[in-house]
Amino acid sequence: MIDFAIDLDHVWKEYPLRKDRPGFKEFMVNLHRFMKKTQRTPRHFYALKDLTLQVERGDCVGVIGRNGAGKSTLLSVVLGTIFPAKGK
């Protein structure tokens, strides 16, 4: 049996989108945008979506990617400082 140092199974992590409310001036200038806003905007985004990762003991792994790709979130989940929304 293989001994995994890291074993993530279908991990999802979501964060709420916090949109600052506009001030009165911004509201008046963009009133036309607020009036015709019919479709709902998403209230959350996924930093990790359905991630499965297995790393054997003794292996060396590097995590690379663009800004906002989820690297820090992945490392936080692995360390146990944050918990996934789904998966284990």
C-alpha atoms as a PDB file:
ATOM      1  CA  MET A   1       0.000   0.000   0.000  1.00  0.00           C
ATOM      2  CA  ILE A   2       1.303   3.423  -0.947  1.00  0.00           C
ATOM      3  CA  ASP A   3       1.850   5.873   1.907  1.00  0.00           C
ATOM      4  CA  PHE A   4       0.783   9.369   0.842  1.00  0.00           C
ATOM      5  CA  ALA A   5       2.089  12.475   2.592  1.00  0.00           C
ATOM      6  CA  ILE A   6      -0.650  14.533   0.917  1.00  0.00           C
ATOM      7  CA  ASP A   7      -3.948  13.016  -0.179  1.00  0.00           C
ATOM      8  CA  LEU A   8      -6.675  15.386  -1.378  1.00  0.00           C
ATOM      9  CA  ASP A   9      -9.846  13.911  -2.828  1.00  0.00           C
ATOM     10  CA  HIS A  10     -12.240  16.118  -4.831  1.00  0.00           C
ATOM     11  CA  VAL A  11     -11.494  19.263  -2.799  1.00  0.00           C
ATOM     12  CA  TRP A  12     -13.522  22.433  -3.372  1.00  0.00           C
ATOM     13  CA  LYS A  13     -12.943  25.748  -1.609  1.00  0.00           C
ATOM     14  CA  GLU A  14     -15.287  28.680  -2.103  1.00  0.00           C
ATOM     15  CA  TYR A  15     -15.126  32.234  -0.845  1.00  0.00           C
ATOM     16  CA  PRO A  16     -17.917  34.808  -0.742  1.00  0.00           C
ATOM     17  CA  LEU A  17     -17.694  37.801  -3.038  1.00  0.00           C
ATOM     18  CA  ARG A  18     -17.918  40.966  -1.028  1.00  0.00           C
ATOM     19  CA  LYS A  19     -18.925  43.879  -3.119  1.00  0.00           C
ATOM     20  CA  ASP A  20     -18.554  47.287  -1.549  1.00  0.00           C
ATOM     21  CA  ARG A  21     -21.667  49.370  -1.787  1.00  0.00           C
ATOM     22  CA  PRO A  22     -21.216  52.470  -3.934  1.00  0.00           C
ATOM     23  CA  GLY A  23     -21.400  55.934  -2.446  1.00  0.00           C
ATOM     24  CA  PHE A  24     -24.165  58.332  -3.446  1.00  0.00           C
ATOM     25  CA  LYS A  25     -22.105  59.938  -6.225  1.00  0.00           C
ATOM     26  CA  GLU A  26     -21.163  56.597  -7.793  1.00  0.00           C
ATOM     27  CA  PHE A  27     -24.759  55.436  -7.490  1.00  0.00           C
ATOM     28  CA  MET A  28     -26.110  58.510  -9.304  1.00  0.00           C
ATOM     29  CA  VAL A  29     -23.467  58.405 -12.035  1.00  0.00           C
ATOM     30  CA  ASN A  30     -24.090  54.709 -12.669  1.00  0.00           C
ATOM     31  CA  LEU A  31     -27.844  54.709 -12.031  1.00  0.00           C
ATOM     32  CA  HIS A  32     -28.566  53.362 -15.505  1.00  0.00           C
ATOM     33  CA  ARG A  33     -26.427  50.293 -14.761  1.00  0.00           C
ATOM     34  CA  PHE A  34     -28.235  49.615 -11.491  1.00  0.00           C
ATOM     35  CA  MET A  35     -31.667  50.006 -13.107  1.00  0.00           C
ATOM     36  CA  LYS A  36     -31.134  47.506 -15.930  1.00  0.00           C
ATOM     37  CA  LYS A  37     -29.357  44.936 -13.785  1.00  0.00           C
ATOM     38  CA  THR A  38     -31.678  41.974 -14.169  1.00  0.00           C
ATOM     39  CA  GLN A  39     -29.394  38.983 -13.982  1.00  0.00           C
ATOM     40  CA  ARG A  40     -27.969  38.014 -10.635  1.00  0.00           C
ATOM     41  CA  THR A  41     -24.250  38.184 -10.098  1.00  0.00           C
ATOM     42  CA  PRO A  42     -22.532  35.246  -8.415  1.00  0.00           C
ATOM     43  CA  ARG A  43     -22.175  35.625  -4.668  1.00  0.00           C
ATOM     44  CA  HIS A  44     -19.102  33.389  -4.372  1.00  0.00           C
ATOM     45  CA  PHE A  45     -16.114  32.152  -6.315  1.00  0.00           C
ATOM     46  CA  TYR A  46     -14.189  28.902  -6.163  1.00  0.00           C
ATOM     47  CA  ALA A  47     -10.488  29.097  -5.379  1.00  0.00           C
ATOM     48  CA  LEU A  48     -10.224  25.299  -5.783  1.00  0.00           C
ATOM     49  CA  LYS A  49     -12.578  23.259  -7.940  1.00  0.00           C
ATOM     50  CA  ASP A  50     -12.676  19.457  -7.731  1.00  0.00           C
ATOM     51  CA  LEU A  51      -8.961  19.076  -6.985  1.00  0.00           C
ATOM     52  CA  THR A  52      -7.542  15.592  -6.485  1.00  0.00           C
ATOM     53  CA  LEU A  53      -3.870  15.353  -5.522  1.00  0.00           C
ATOM     54  CA  GLN A  54      -1.728  12.545  -4.136  1.00  0.00           C
ATOM     55  CA  VAL A  55       1.902  13.040  -3.169  1.00  0.00           C
ATOM     56  CA  GLU A  56       3.939  10.115  -1.888  1.00  0.00           C
ATOM     57  CA  ARG A  57       6.271  10.448   1.073  1.00  0.00           C
ATOM     58  CA  GLY A  58       9.736  11.552  -0.004  1.00  0.00           C
ATOM     59  CA  ASP A  59       8.554  13.222  -3.221  1.00  0.00           C
ATOM     60  CA  CYS A  60       9.376  16.870  -3.918  1.00  0.00           C
ATOM     61  CA  VAL A  61       6.577  19.007  -5.337  1.00  0.00           C
ATOM     62  CA  GLY A  62       6.502  22.575  -6.620  1.00  0.00           C
ATOM     63  CA  VAL A  63       3.338  24.612  -6.951  1.00  0.00           C
ATOM     64  CA  ILE A  64       3.390  27.224  -9.698  1.00  0.00           C
ATOM     65  CA  GLY A  65       0.708  29.296 -11.383  1.00  0.00           C
ATOM     66  CA  ARG A  66      -0.610  32.754 -12.107  1.00  0.00           C
ATOM     67  CA  ASN A  67      -1.910  35.218  -9.553  1.00  0.00           C
ATOM     68  CA  GLY A  68      -5.250  34.056  -8.245  1.00  0.00           C
ATOM     69  CA  ALA A  69      -4.752  30.465  -9.403  1.00  0.00           C
ATOM     70  CA  GLY A  70      -5.250  29.040  -5.884  1.00  0.00           C
ATOM     71  CA  LYS A  71      -1.688  28.249  -4.856  1.00  0.00           C
ATOM     72  CA  SER A  72      -1.954  29.787  -1.385  1.00  0.00           C
ATOM     73  CA  THR A  73      -5.396  28.285  -0.876  1.00  0.00           C
ATOM     74  CA  LEU A  74      -4.047  24.845  -1.819  1.00  0.00           C
ATOM     75  CA  LEU A  75      -1.168  25.155   0.649  1.00  0.00           C
ATOM     76  CA  SER A  76      -3.521  26.378   3.381  1.00  0.00           C
ATOM     77  CA  VAL A  77      -5.801  23.379   2.845  1.00  0.00           C
ATOM     78  CA  VAL A  78      -2.817  21.004   2.940  1.00  0.00           C
ATOM     79  CA  LEU A  79      -1.562  22.610   6.176  1.00  0.00           C
ATOM     80  CA  GLY A  80      -5.031  22.475   7.707  1.00  0.00           C
ATOM     81  CA  THR A  81      -5.303  26.201   8.410  1.00  0.00           C
ATOM     82  CA  ILE A  82      -8.476  26.350   6.299  1.00  0.00           C
ATOM     83  CA  PHE A  83     -10.966  23.611   5.543  1.00  0.00           C
ATOM     84  CA  PRO A  84     -12.447  22.705   2.170  1.00  0.00           C
ATOM     85  CA  ALA A  85     -16.114  23.315   1.400  1.00  0.00           C
ATOM     86  CA  LYS A  86     -16.349  19.844  -0.169  1.00  0.00           C
ATOM     87  CA  GLY A  87     -14.052  16.858  -0.357  1.00  0.00           C
ATOM     88  CA  LYS A  88     -11.468  15.545   2.059  1.00  0.00           C
END
